[in-house]
Amino acid sequence: MRWDRLFEDLEGQLASEWEAERAALDAESERLRISRLDIRSRLRTLCSAEAAATLMLTGLGRLPLRLVALGADWVAASDVPAEGARTARTIRIIPLHAIHGIRIDHGMLLASLDVRGEQAGALRERMTLGFVLRDIARRRVPVRIGTVDGEDLHGTIDRAGADHLDLAEHDPGQARLAGSVSGFRIVPFDAVAAVQTAGDQMP
């Protein structure tokens, strides 16, 4: 009986050691997987869930938004309307370089880590900021541009180059007519914190 008990104890110890080793390997494997995650992968998950988040934006402070789409170097977010408000949905195109923090609830934080099977498949994810701004320029949509320095610009994008846009400045809500334009400005993409326009006018 003593030998049986000894072998049972040894088997129990060995099983415990194997289980501890397997748990350590699993934990190390998970740490390695997370170390390879980039913010775009996590934003992809958050956008697919249309997660509510507070974005900390350079020059604009904290904005409560709902993440709706991800591009190559930008994210689109809609304003969270006040309860009972009947305003048109506003979309902001936000360059990733302008985001310096994302506040979300703990459940979405953990969900954004689980991106094992997700792939960047949408054509939209290959669209650059310049591509989107050229489409807005083509549509002659009035925009509001918040800069990383905190400026609030209003006008219509006349054209968008590889790394900058030309803005015809005019008062909010006005159409881009020769008499309403107060000036012209070249704005580097690096200076843009957000481009805002009405949701039903977005590409």
N, C-alpha and C. Protein backbone atom coordinates (compact mmCIF):
# COMPACT_ATOMS: atom_id res chain seq x y z
N MET A 1 0.83 -1.21 0.00
CA MET A 1 0.00 0.00 0.00
C MET A 1 0.86 1.26 0.00
N ARG A 2 1.98 1.18 0.74
CA ARG A 2 2.84 2.37 0.81
C ARG A 2 3.39 2.72 -0.57
N TRP A 3 3.78 1.68 -1.35
CA TRP A 3 4.32 1.95 -2.69
C TRP A 3 3.23 2.55 -3.59
N ASP A 4 2.03 2.02 -3.49
CA ASP A 4 0.92 2.57 -4.29
C ASP A 4 0.71 4.05 -3.97
N ARG A 5 0.70 4.35 -2.67
CA ARG A 5 0.50 5.73 -2.25
C ARG A 5 1.65 6.62 -2.74
N LEU A 6 2.86 6.11 -2.70
CA LEU A 6 4.03 6.87 -3.16
C LEU A 6 3.90 7.17 -4.65
N PHE A 7 3.53 6.14 -5.44
CA PHE A 7 3.40 6.37 -6.88
C PHE A 7 2.26 7.35 -7.19
N GLU A 8 1.18 7.23 -6.44
CA GLU A 8 0.07 8.18 -6.63
C GLU A 8 0.51 9.61 -6.33
N ASP A 9 1.28 9.77 -5.24
CA ASP A 9 1.79 11.10 -4.89
C ASP A 9 2.70 11.64 -5.99
N LEU A 10 3.60 10.76 -6.48
CA LEU A 10 4.52 11.18 -7.53
C LEU A 10 3.76 11.57 -8.81
N GLU A 11 2.75 10.75 -9.16
CA GLU A 11 1.94 11.07 -10.34
C GLU A 11 1.22 12.41 -10.16
N GLY A 12 0.70 12.63 -8.95
CA GLY A 12 0.01 13.90 -8.66
C GLY A 12 0.97 15.09 -8.78
N GLN A 13 2.18 14.92 -8.25
CA GLN A 13 3.18 16.00 -8.34
C GLN A 13 3.54 16.27 -9.79
N LEU A 14 3.77 15.21 -10.57
CA LEU A 14 4.14 15.35 -11.97
C LEU A 14 3.03 16.05 -12.77
N ALA A 15 1.76 15.64 -12.51
CA ALA A 15 0.62 16.27 -13.20
C ALA A 15 0.54 17.75 -12.84
N SER A 16 0.77 18.08 -11.57
CA SER A 16 0.73 19.48 -11.14
C SER A 16 1.83 20.29 -11.81
N GLU A 17 3.03 19.69 -11.89
CA GLU A 17 4.14 20.40 -12.54
C GLU A 17 3.87 20.61 -14.02
N TRP A 18 3.32 19.59 -14.68
CA TRP A 18 2.99 19.73 -16.11
C TRP A 18 1.92 20.82 -16.30
N GLU A 19 0.92 20.81 -15.43
CA GLU A 19 -0.15 21.81 -15.54
C GLU A 19 0.41 23.22 -15.32
N ALA A 20 1.30 23.38 -14.33
CA ALA A 20 1.91 24.69 -14.07
C ALA A 20 2.77 25.13 -15.25
N GLU A 21 3.51 24.17 -15.84
CA GLU A 21 4.35 24.50 -17.00
C GLU A 21 3.49 24.90 -18.20
N ARG A 22 2.39 24.15 -18.41
CA ARG A 22 1.49 24.48 -19.52
C ARG A 22 0.87 25.88 -19.32
N ALA A 23 0.45 26.18 -18.10
CA ALA A 23 -0.13 27.50 -17.80
C ALA A 23 0.90 28.61 -18.03
N ALA A 24 2.16 28.35 -17.64
CA ALA A 24 3.21 29.35 -17.85
C ALA A 24 3.46 29.57 -19.34
N LEU A 25 3.47 28.47 -20.11
CA LEU A 25 3.67 28.60 -21.57
C LEU A 25 2.50 29.34 -22.22
N ASP A 26 1.26 29.03 -21.78
CA ASP A 26 0.09 29.72 -22.31
C ASP A 26 0.16 31.22 -22.00
N ALA A 27 0.54 31.55 -20.77
CA ALA A 27 0.64 32.96 -20.38
C ALA A 27 1.72 33.67 -21.19
N GLU A 28 2.85 33.01 -21.40
CA GLU A 28 3.94 33.60 -22.18
C GLU A 28 3.52 33.78 -23.64
N SER A 29 2.80 32.77 -24.17
CA SER A 29 2.32 32.86 -25.54
C SER A 29 1.34 34.02 -25.71
N GLU A 30 0.47 34.22 -24.71
CA GLU A 30 -0.49 35.34 -24.76
C GLU A 30 0.24 36.68 -24.67
N ARG A 31 1.25 36.76 -23.79
CA ARG A 31 2.03 38.00 -23.69
C ARG A 31 2.72 38.32 -25.01
N LEU A 32 3.25 37.29 -25.67
CA LEU A 32 3.92 37.47 -26.95
C LEU A 32 2.92 37.93 -28.02
N ARG A 33 1.71 37.33 -28.04
CA ARG A 33 0.69 37.73 -29.01
C ARG A 33 0.30 39.19 -28.81
N ILE A 34 0.07 39.59 -27.57
CA ILE A 34 -0.33 40.98 -27.29
C ILE A 34 0.80 41.95 -27.63
N SER A 35 2.04 41.52 -27.43
CA SER A 35 3.17 42.41 -27.74
C SER A 35 3.25 42.74 -29.23
N ARG A 36 2.61 41.92 -30.06
CA ARG A 36 2.64 42.14 -31.51
C ARG A 36 1.42 42.92 -32.01
N LEU A 37 0.46 43.20 -31.14
CA LEU A 37 -0.74 43.95 -31.54
C LEU A 37 -0.39 45.41 -31.81
N ASP A 38 -0.98 45.97 -32.86
CA ASP A 38 -0.85 47.42 -33.07
C ASP A 38 -2.21 48.07 -32.81
N ILE A 39 -2.20 49.39 -32.73
CA ILE A 39 -3.44 50.09 -32.37
C ILE A 39 -4.50 49.96 -33.46
N ARG A 40 -4.07 49.82 -34.73
CA ARG A 40 -5.05 49.67 -35.81
C ARG A 40 -5.86 48.38 -35.63
N SER A 41 -5.19 47.31 -35.20
CA SER A 41 -5.90 46.04 -34.97
C SER A 41 -6.97 46.20 -33.90
N ARG A 42 -6.63 46.92 -32.85
CA ARG A 42 -7.59 47.12 -31.78
C ARG A 42 -8.71 48.07 -32.22
N LEU A 43 -8.35 49.12 -32.99
CA LEU A 43 -9.38 50.03 -33.50
C LEU A 43 -10.32 49.31 -34.46
N ARG A 44 -9.80 48.36 -35.24
CA ARG A 44 -10.65 47.59 -36.15
C ARG A 44 -11.76 46.89 -35.37
N THR A 45 -11.40 46.26 -34.26
CA THR A 45 -12.38 45.58 -33.41
C THR A 45 -13.37 46.58 -32.84
N LEU A 46 -12.88 47.72 -32.35
CA LEU A 46 -13.76 48.72 -31.76
C LEU A 46 -14.71 49.31 -32.80
N CYS A 47 -14.22 49.55 -34.02
CA CYS A 47 -15.08 50.09 -35.08
C CYS A 47 -16.14 49.08 -35.50
N SER A 48 -15.76 47.81 -35.58
CA SER A 48 -16.74 46.79 -35.99
C SER A 48 -17.86 46.67 -34.97
N ALA A 49 -17.57 47.00 -33.71
CA ALA A 49 -18.59 46.98 -32.65
C ALA A 49 -19.27 48.34 -32.50
N GLU A 50 -18.84 49.33 -33.28
CA GLU A 50 -19.32 50.71 -33.13
C GLU A 50 -19.27 51.13 -31.67
N ALA A 51 -18.11 50.94 -31.08
CA ALA A 51 -17.93 51.18 -29.66
C ALA A 51 -17.98 52.67 -29.32
N ALA A 52 -18.60 52.98 -28.20
CA ALA A 52 -18.55 54.34 -27.67
C ALA A 52 -17.21 54.51 -26.98
N ALA A 53 -16.59 55.66 -27.22
CA ALA A 53 -15.27 55.93 -26.65
C ALA A 53 -15.09 57.42 -26.47
N THR A 54 -14.22 57.80 -25.57
CA THR A 54 -13.80 59.19 -25.46
C THR A 54 -12.40 59.26 -26.03
N LEU A 55 -12.25 60.03 -27.12
CA LEU A 55 -10.95 60.18 -27.75
C LEU A 55 -10.28 61.42 -27.21
N MET A 56 -9.01 61.30 -26.84
CA MET A 56 -8.20 62.43 -26.44
C MET A 56 -7.44 62.86 -27.69
N LEU A 57 -7.79 64.05 -28.20
CA LEU A 57 -7.23 64.51 -29.46
C LEU A 57 -6.35 65.72 -29.25
N THR A 58 -5.20 65.72 -29.89
CA THR A 58 -4.29 66.85 -29.83
C THR A 58 -5.01 68.09 -30.34
N GLY A 59 -5.03 69.13 -29.53
CA GLY A 59 -5.64 70.40 -29.93
C GLY A 59 -7.14 70.50 -29.71
N LEU A 60 -7.82 69.35 -29.53
CA LEU A 60 -9.28 69.38 -29.37
C LEU A 60 -9.75 68.86 -28.02
N GLY A 61 -8.86 68.28 -27.24
CA GLY A 61 -9.25 67.76 -25.94
C GLY A 61 -9.99 66.44 -26.03
N ARG A 62 -10.92 66.23 -25.09
CA ARG A 62 -11.64 64.96 -24.99
C ARG A 62 -12.98 65.06 -25.69
N LEU A 63 -13.25 64.13 -26.59
CA LEU A 63 -14.51 64.12 -27.32
C LEU A 63 -15.18 62.76 -27.17
N PRO A 64 -16.43 62.72 -26.64
CA PRO A 64 -17.17 61.46 -26.60
C PRO A 64 -17.72 61.15 -27.99
N LEU A 65 -17.32 60.01 -28.55
CA LEU A 65 -17.67 59.67 -29.92
C LEU A 65 -18.00 58.19 -30.02
N ARG A 66 -18.58 57.81 -31.16
CA ARG A 66 -18.82 56.40 -31.46
C ARG A 66 -17.95 56.05 -32.67
N LEU A 67 -17.06 55.07 -32.53
CA LEU A 67 -16.15 54.69 -33.60
C LEU A 67 -16.90 53.90 -34.66
N VAL A 68 -16.81 54.33 -35.93
CA VAL A 68 -17.64 53.69 -36.96
C VAL A 68 -16.87 53.11 -38.13
N ALA A 69 -15.68 53.60 -38.44
CA ALA A 69 -14.94 53.07 -39.60
C ALA A 69 -13.46 53.34 -39.43
N LEU A 70 -12.66 52.46 -40.03
CA LEU A 70 -11.20 52.58 -39.95
C LEU A 70 -10.63 52.64 -41.36
N GLY A 71 -9.74 53.61 -41.58
CA GLY A 71 -9.03 53.70 -42.85
C GLY A 71 -7.57 53.37 -42.66
N ALA A 72 -6.77 53.68 -43.68
CA ALA A 72 -5.34 53.36 -43.62
C ALA A 72 -4.64 54.15 -42.52
N ASP A 73 -4.97 55.43 -42.39
CA ASP A 73 -4.30 56.29 -41.40
C ASP A 73 -5.27 57.20 -40.69
N TRP A 74 -6.54 56.80 -40.62
CA TRP A 74 -7.58 57.60 -39.99
C TRP A 74 -8.66 56.69 -39.42
N VAL A 75 -9.46 57.28 -38.56
CA VAL A 75 -10.65 56.59 -38.05
C VAL A 75 -11.82 57.56 -38.18
N ALA A 76 -12.99 57.04 -38.49
CA ALA A 76 -14.20 57.87 -38.55
C ALA A 76 -15.02 57.63 -37.30
N ALA A 77 -15.55 58.71 -36.75
CA ALA A 77 -16.35 58.61 -35.53
C ALA A 77 -17.54 59.54 -35.65
N SER A 78 -18.66 59.11 -35.09
CA SER A 78 -19.84 59.97 -35.09
C SER A 78 -20.04 60.54 -33.70
N ASP A 79 -20.62 61.74 -33.65
CA ASP A 79 -20.94 62.34 -32.37
C ASP A 79 -21.99 61.49 -31.67
N VAL A 80 -21.93 61.47 -30.35
CA VAL A 80 -22.95 60.79 -29.57
C VAL A 80 -24.03 61.82 -29.29
N PRO A 81 -25.22 61.71 -29.94
CA PRO A 81 -26.24 62.74 -29.76
C PRO A 81 -26.81 62.73 -28.35
N ALA A 82 -27.22 63.90 -27.88
CA ALA A 82 -27.88 63.99 -26.58
C ALA A 82 -29.21 63.25 -26.68
N GLU A 83 -29.65 62.70 -25.56
CA GLU A 83 -30.88 61.92 -25.57
C GLU A 83 -32.05 62.78 -26.04
N GLY A 84 -32.78 62.27 -27.02
CA GLY A 84 -33.93 63.00 -27.54
C GLY A 84 -33.59 64.03 -28.59
N ALA A 85 -32.29 64.24 -28.86
CA ALA A 85 -31.89 65.24 -29.85
C ALA A 85 -32.22 64.75 -31.25
N ARG A 86 -32.64 65.67 -32.11
CA ARG A 86 -32.99 65.29 -33.48
C ARG A 86 -32.09 66.03 -34.45
N THR A 87 -30.81 65.98 -34.21
CA THR A 87 -29.85 66.65 -35.08
C THR A 87 -29.27 65.64 -36.06
N ALA A 88 -28.79 66.16 -37.20
CA ALA A 88 -28.16 65.29 -38.19
C ALA A 88 -26.89 64.70 -37.59
N ARG A 89 -26.62 63.46 -37.95
CA ARG A 89 -25.42 62.79 -37.45
C ARG A 89 -24.19 63.49 -38.01
N THR A 90 -23.27 63.80 -37.14
CA THR A 90 -22.03 64.44 -37.55
C THR A 90 -20.91 63.42 -37.55
N ILE A 91 -20.15 63.40 -38.64
CA ILE A 91 -19.02 62.48 -38.76
C ILE A 91 -17.72 63.28 -38.66
N ARG A 92 -16.77 62.73 -37.93
CA ARG A 92 -15.43 63.33 -37.87
C ARG A 92 -14.45 62.31 -38.44
N ILE A 93 -13.60 62.78 -39.34
CA ILE A 93 -12.49 61.98 -39.84
C ILE A 93 -11.27 62.40 -39.02
N ILE A 94 -10.69 61.45 -38.31
CA ILE A 94 -9.63 61.77 -37.35
C ILE A 94 -8.35 61.03 -37.75
N PRO A 95 -7.30 61.77 -38.10
CA PRO A 95 -6.03 61.11 -38.39
C PRO A 95 -5.51 60.38 -37.15
N LEU A 96 -4.94 59.21 -37.33
CA LEU A 96 -4.45 58.44 -36.18
C LEU A 96 -3.38 59.20 -35.41
N HIS A 97 -2.61 60.05 -36.10
CA HIS A 97 -1.54 60.78 -35.41
C HIS A 97 -2.09 61.78 -34.38
N ALA A 98 -3.37 62.16 -34.51
CA ALA A 98 -3.96 63.14 -33.59
C ALA A 98 -4.50 62.50 -32.32
N ILE A 99 -4.60 61.16 -32.31
CA ILE A 99 -5.16 60.48 -31.14
C ILE A 99 -4.04 60.21 -30.13
N HIS A 100 -4.20 60.75 -28.91
CA HIS A 100 -3.19 60.44 -27.89
C HIS A 100 -3.80 59.74 -26.68
N GLY A 101 -5.00 59.22 -26.85
CA GLY A 101 -5.62 58.40 -25.81
C GLY A 101 -7.03 58.01 -26.21
N ILE A 102 -7.45 56.82 -25.77
CA ILE A 102 -8.80 56.32 -26.04
C ILE A 102 -9.34 55.76 -24.73
N ARG A 103 -10.43 56.35 -24.25
CA ARG A 103 -11.05 55.85 -23.02
C ARG A 103 -12.29 55.04 -23.40
N ILE A 104 -12.31 53.76 -23.00
CA ILE A 104 -13.44 52.88 -23.29
C ILE A 104 -13.74 52.05 -22.05
N ASP A 105 -14.90 51.40 -22.04
CA ASP A 105 -15.22 50.58 -20.87
C ASP A 105 -14.35 49.31 -20.89
N HIS A 106 -14.28 48.69 -19.72
CA HIS A 106 -13.36 47.56 -19.55
C HIS A 106 -13.69 46.39 -20.47
N GLY A 107 -14.98 46.14 -20.69
CA GLY A 107 -15.37 45.04 -21.57
C GLY A 107 -14.87 45.23 -22.98
N MET A 108 -15.02 46.46 -23.53
CA MET A 108 -14.53 46.74 -24.88
C MET A 108 -13.01 46.74 -24.91
N LEU A 109 -12.37 47.17 -23.84
CA LEU A 109 -10.91 47.13 -23.76
C LEU A 109 -10.41 45.70 -23.93
N LEU A 110 -11.04 44.77 -23.21
CA LEU A 110 -10.64 43.37 -23.31
C LEU A 110 -11.01 42.79 -24.67
N ALA A 111 -12.19 43.16 -25.19
CA ALA A 111 -12.61 42.65 -26.51
C ALA A 111 -11.65 43.09 -27.60
N SER A 112 -11.09 44.30 -27.46
CA SER A 112 -10.18 44.80 -28.50
C SER A 112 -8.86 44.05 -28.53
N LEU A 113 -8.58 43.28 -27.48
CA LEU A 113 -7.36 42.46 -27.46
C LEU A 113 -7.53 41.16 -28.24
N ASP A 114 -8.79 40.76 -28.44
CA ASP A 114 -9.07 39.46 -29.05
C ASP A 114 -9.23 39.63 -30.55
N VAL A 115 -8.11 39.71 -31.25
CA VAL A 115 -8.12 39.96 -32.70
C VAL A 115 -7.47 38.81 -33.46
N ARG A 116 -7.47 37.64 -32.88
CA ARG A 116 -6.76 36.50 -33.49
C ARG A 116 -7.21 36.23 -34.92
N GLY A 117 -8.53 36.19 -35.15
CA GLY A 117 -9.01 35.80 -36.46
C GLY A 117 -9.31 36.96 -37.39
N GLU A 118 -9.15 38.20 -36.92
CA GLU A 118 -9.56 39.34 -37.73
C GLU A 118 -8.48 39.73 -38.71
N GLN A 119 -8.90 40.01 -39.93
CA GLN A 119 -7.97 40.41 -40.98
C GLN A 119 -8.42 41.76 -41.54
N ALA A 120 -7.45 42.52 -42.02
CA ALA A 120 -7.77 43.79 -42.67
C ALA A 120 -8.26 43.48 -44.07
N GLY A 121 -9.57 43.29 -44.22
CA GLY A 121 -10.09 42.90 -45.52
C GLY A 121 -10.83 44.00 -46.25
N ALA A 122 -11.38 44.95 -45.51
CA ALA A 122 -12.22 45.97 -46.13
C ALA A 122 -11.38 46.89 -47.01
N LEU A 123 -11.94 47.20 -48.18
CA LEU A 123 -11.28 48.15 -49.08
C LEU A 123 -11.07 49.49 -48.39
N ARG A 124 -12.03 49.85 -47.53
CA ARG A 124 -11.95 51.12 -46.81
C ARG A 124 -10.64 51.24 -46.03
N GLU A 125 -10.15 50.11 -45.52
CA GLU A 125 -8.94 50.16 -44.70
C GLU A 125 -7.70 50.50 -45.50
N ARG A 126 -7.82 50.49 -46.82
CA ARG A 126 -6.68 50.90 -47.65
C ARG A 126 -6.78 52.36 -48.08
N MET A 127 -7.92 52.99 -47.79
CA MET A 127 -8.11 54.39 -48.17
C MET A 127 -7.32 55.29 -47.22
N THR A 128 -6.49 56.15 -47.79
CA THR A 128 -5.70 57.07 -46.98
C THR A 128 -6.52 58.31 -46.66
N LEU A 129 -6.00 59.12 -45.75
CA LEU A 129 -6.65 60.39 -45.41
C LEU A 129 -6.78 61.26 -46.66
N GLY A 130 -5.74 61.32 -47.48
CA GLY A 130 -5.78 62.12 -48.70
C GLY A 130 -6.88 61.67 -49.64
N PHE A 131 -7.07 60.36 -49.77
CA PHE A 131 -8.12 59.83 -50.63
C PHE A 131 -9.50 60.31 -50.18
N VAL A 132 -9.75 60.21 -48.86
CA VAL A 132 -11.05 60.64 -48.31
C VAL A 132 -11.24 62.14 -48.49
N LEU A 133 -10.20 62.92 -48.23
CA LEU A 133 -10.33 64.38 -48.35
C LEU A 133 -10.52 64.80 -49.81
N ARG A 134 -9.92 64.08 -50.75
CA ARG A 134 -10.15 64.39 -52.17
C ARG A 134 -11.60 64.14 -52.55
N ASP A 135 -12.20 63.10 -51.97
CA ASP A 135 -13.60 62.83 -52.25
C ASP A 135 -14.50 63.93 -51.66
N ILE A 136 -14.18 64.38 -50.45
CA ILE A 136 -14.94 65.48 -49.84
C ILE A 136 -14.79 66.74 -50.68
N ALA A 137 -13.59 67.00 -51.19
CA ALA A 137 -13.36 68.17 -52.06
C ALA A 137 -14.20 68.06 -53.33
N ARG A 138 -14.25 66.87 -53.91
CA ARG A 138 -15.02 66.66 -55.14
C ARG A 138 -16.50 66.95 -54.91
N ARG A 139 -16.99 66.61 -53.71
CA ARG A 139 -18.41 66.82 -53.40
C ARG A 139 -18.72 68.25 -52.97
N ARG A 140 -17.69 69.06 -52.76
CA ARG A 140 -17.87 70.47 -52.36
C ARG A 140 -18.62 70.58 -51.03
N VAL A 141 -18.31 69.69 -50.12
CA VAL A 141 -18.97 69.65 -48.82
C VAL A 141 -18.30 70.65 -47.87
N PRO A 142 -19.05 71.56 -47.24
CA PRO A 142 -18.44 72.44 -46.24
C PRO A 142 -17.92 71.62 -45.05
N VAL A 143 -16.78 72.01 -44.54
CA VAL A 143 -16.16 71.26 -43.44
C VAL A 143 -15.76 72.20 -42.31
N ARG A 144 -15.54 71.58 -41.18
CA ARG A 144 -14.95 72.26 -40.03
C ARG A 144 -13.70 71.46 -39.68
N ILE A 145 -12.57 72.12 -39.66
CA ILE A 145 -11.30 71.44 -39.40
C ILE A 145 -10.75 71.92 -38.07
N GLY A 146 -10.54 70.99 -37.16
CA GLY A 146 -9.84 71.29 -35.91
C GLY A 146 -8.38 70.95 -36.09
N THR A 147 -7.50 71.87 -35.73
CA THR A 147 -6.08 71.62 -35.91
C THR A 147 -5.44 71.17 -34.60
N VAL A 148 -4.24 70.62 -34.70
CA VAL A 148 -3.53 70.16 -33.50
C VAL A 148 -3.10 71.33 -32.62
N ASP A 149 -3.12 72.55 -33.17
CA ASP A 149 -2.83 73.75 -32.38
C ASP A 149 -4.08 74.34 -31.74
N GLY A 150 -5.24 73.72 -31.97
CA GLY A 150 -6.47 74.20 -31.36
C GLY A 150 -7.25 75.19 -32.21
N GLU A 151 -6.82 75.44 -33.46
CA GLU A 151 -7.58 76.35 -34.33
C GLU A 151 -8.84 75.66 -34.81
N ASP A 152 -9.86 76.48 -35.09
CA ASP A 152 -11.14 76.00 -35.58
C ASP A 152 -11.37 76.65 -36.94
N LEU A 153 -11.19 75.89 -38.01
CA LEU A 153 -11.28 76.43 -39.36
C LEU A 153 -12.59 75.99 -40.02
N HIS A 154 -13.19 76.88 -40.78
CA HIS A 154 -14.42 76.56 -41.52
C HIS A 154 -14.20 76.89 -42.98
N GLY A 155 -14.76 76.07 -43.86
CA GLY A 155 -14.64 76.35 -45.28
C GLY A 155 -14.94 75.13 -46.12
N THR A 156 -14.40 75.14 -47.32
CA THR A 156 -14.57 74.04 -48.27
C THR A 156 -13.19 73.64 -48.77
N ILE A 157 -12.95 72.33 -48.81
CA ILE A 157 -11.67 71.84 -49.31
C ILE A 157 -11.70 71.95 -50.84
N ASP A 158 -10.79 72.75 -51.38
CA ASP A 158 -10.71 72.89 -52.84
C ASP A 158 -9.98 71.72 -53.47
N ARG A 159 -8.93 71.26 -52.81
CA ARG A 159 -8.16 70.13 -53.33
C ARG A 159 -7.33 69.55 -52.19
N ALA A 160 -6.91 68.28 -52.37
CA ALA A 160 -6.06 67.62 -51.38
C ALA A 160 -4.91 66.96 -52.10
N GLY A 161 -3.70 67.26 -51.66
CA GLY A 161 -2.50 66.68 -52.23
C GLY A 161 -2.08 65.44 -51.48
N ALA A 162 -0.81 65.11 -51.60
CA ALA A 162 -0.28 63.91 -50.94
C ALA A 162 -0.21 64.08 -49.43
N ASP A 163 0.10 65.30 -48.97
CA ASP A 163 0.29 65.52 -47.53
C ASP A 163 -0.30 66.84 -47.04
N HIS A 164 -1.20 67.44 -47.82
CA HIS A 164 -1.77 68.73 -47.43
C HIS A 164 -3.09 68.93 -48.17
N LEU A 165 -3.85 69.93 -47.71
CA LEU A 165 -5.08 70.30 -48.40
C LEU A 165 -5.12 71.81 -48.57
N ASP A 166 -5.90 72.26 -49.55
CA ASP A 166 -6.16 73.68 -49.76
C ASP A 166 -7.58 73.95 -49.27
N LEU A 167 -7.71 74.90 -48.35
CA LEU A 167 -9.01 75.23 -47.78
C LEU A 167 -9.42 76.64 -48.20
N ALA A 168 -10.61 76.75 -48.80
CA ALA A 168 -11.22 78.06 -49.05
C ALA A 168 -12.04 78.39 -47.81
N GLU A 169 -11.60 79.40 -47.05
CA GLU A 169 -12.25 79.71 -45.78
C GLU A 169 -13.50 80.55 -45.99
N HIS A 170 -14.57 80.17 -45.31
CA HIS A 170 -15.80 80.96 -45.30
C HIS A 170 -16.56 80.64 -44.03
N ASP A 171 -17.62 81.39 -43.78
CA ASP A 171 -18.38 81.21 -42.55
C ASP A 171 -19.07 79.85 -42.54
N PRO A 172 -19.31 79.31 -41.33
CA PRO A 172 -20.00 78.02 -41.22
C PRO A 172 -21.39 78.09 -41.86
N GLY A 173 -21.77 77.02 -42.52
CA GLY A 173 -23.11 76.94 -43.10
C GLY A 173 -23.26 77.60 -44.45
N GLN A 174 -22.27 78.33 -44.90
CA GLN A 174 -22.34 78.98 -46.20
C GLN A 174 -21.80 78.07 -47.29
N ALA A 175 -22.31 78.28 -48.50
CA ALA A 175 -21.77 77.58 -49.66
C ALA A 175 -20.49 78.28 -50.10
N ARG A 176 -19.64 77.54 -50.82
CA ARG A 176 -18.39 78.13 -51.29
C ARG A 176 -18.67 78.94 -52.56
N LEU A 177 -19.00 80.21 -52.36
CA LEU A 177 -19.20 81.15 -53.45
C LEU A 177 -18.07 82.17 -53.40
N ALA A 178 -17.74 82.74 -54.55
CA ALA A 178 -16.62 83.69 -54.60
C ALA A 178 -16.78 84.80 -53.57
N GLY A 179 -18.00 85.31 -53.42
CA GLY A 179 -18.22 86.42 -52.48
C GLY A 179 -18.16 86.04 -51.02
N SER A 180 -18.31 84.76 -50.72
CA SER A 180 -18.31 84.33 -49.31
C SER A 180 -16.94 83.89 -48.82
N VAL A 181 -15.99 83.68 -49.71
CA VAL A 181 -14.66 83.21 -49.32
C VAL A 181 -13.85 84.37 -48.75
N SER A 182 -13.36 84.17 -47.53
CA SER A 182 -12.59 85.24 -46.87
C SER A 182 -11.08 85.04 -47.02
N GLY A 183 -10.66 83.87 -47.46
CA GLY A 183 -9.22 83.63 -47.64
C GLY A 183 -8.96 82.18 -48.00
N PHE A 184 -7.70 81.91 -48.26
CA PHE A 184 -7.29 80.55 -48.65
C PHE A 184 -6.15 80.13 -47.74
N ARG A 185 -6.09 78.85 -47.47
CA ARG A 185 -5.06 78.35 -46.56
C ARG A 185 -4.62 76.97 -47.01
N ILE A 186 -3.31 76.73 -46.94
CA ILE A 186 -2.75 75.39 -47.13
C ILE A 186 -2.59 74.78 -45.74
N VAL A 187 -3.15 73.60 -45.53
CA VAL A 187 -3.11 72.95 -44.22
C VAL A 187 -2.42 71.59 -44.38
N PRO A 188 -1.24 71.39 -43.80
CA PRO A 188 -0.60 70.07 -43.85
C PRO A 188 -1.44 69.04 -43.10
N PHE A 189 -1.46 67.82 -43.59
CA PHE A 189 -2.22 66.77 -42.90
C PHE A 189 -1.73 66.60 -41.46
N ASP A 190 -0.45 66.80 -41.23
CA ASP A 190 0.09 66.66 -39.87
C ASP A 190 -0.51 67.67 -38.90
N ALA A 191 -1.08 68.77 -39.43
CA ALA A 191 -1.68 69.79 -38.58
C ALA A 191 -3.16 69.52 -38.31
N VAL A 192 -3.73 68.52 -38.97
CA VAL A 192 -5.17 68.24 -38.85
C VAL A 192 -5.43 67.29 -37.68
N ALA A 193 -6.31 67.72 -36.77
CA ALA A 193 -6.74 66.84 -35.67
C ALA A 193 -8.06 66.15 -35.99
N ALA A 194 -8.95 66.83 -36.74
CA ALA A 194 -10.23 66.23 -37.13
C ALA A 194 -10.85 67.06 -38.24
N VAL A 195 -11.52 66.38 -39.14
CA VAL A 195 -12.32 67.02 -40.19
C VAL A 195 -13.75 66.60 -39.95
N GLN A 196 -14.61 67.59 -39.77
CA GLN A 196 -16.00 67.32 -39.40
C GLN A 196 -16.94 67.76 -40.51
N THR A 197 -17.94 66.91 -40.78
CA THR A 197 -18.95 67.25 -41.78
C THR A 197 -20.21 66.46 -41.45
N ALA A 198 -21.34 66.81 -42.05
CA ALA A 198 -22.59 66.12 -41.79
C ALA A 198 -22.50 64.69 -42.31
N GLY A 199 -23.02 63.74 -41.53
CA GLY A 199 -22.91 62.32 -41.86
C GLY A 199 -23.51 61.94 -43.19
N ASP A 200 -24.62 62.58 -43.59
CA ASP A 200 -25.24 62.16 -44.84
C ASP A 200 -24.51 62.69 -46.06
N GLN A 201 -23.45 63.48 -45.85
CA GLN A 201 -22.68 63.98 -46.98
C GLN A 201 -21.32 63.25 -47.10
N MET A 202 -21.13 62.30 -46.24
CA MET A 202 -19.84 61.60 -46.25
C MET A 202 -19.80 60.59 -47.38
N PRO A 203 -18.57 60.29 -47.88
CA PRO A 203 -18.43 59.25 -48.90
C PRO A 203 -18.86 57.90 -48.34
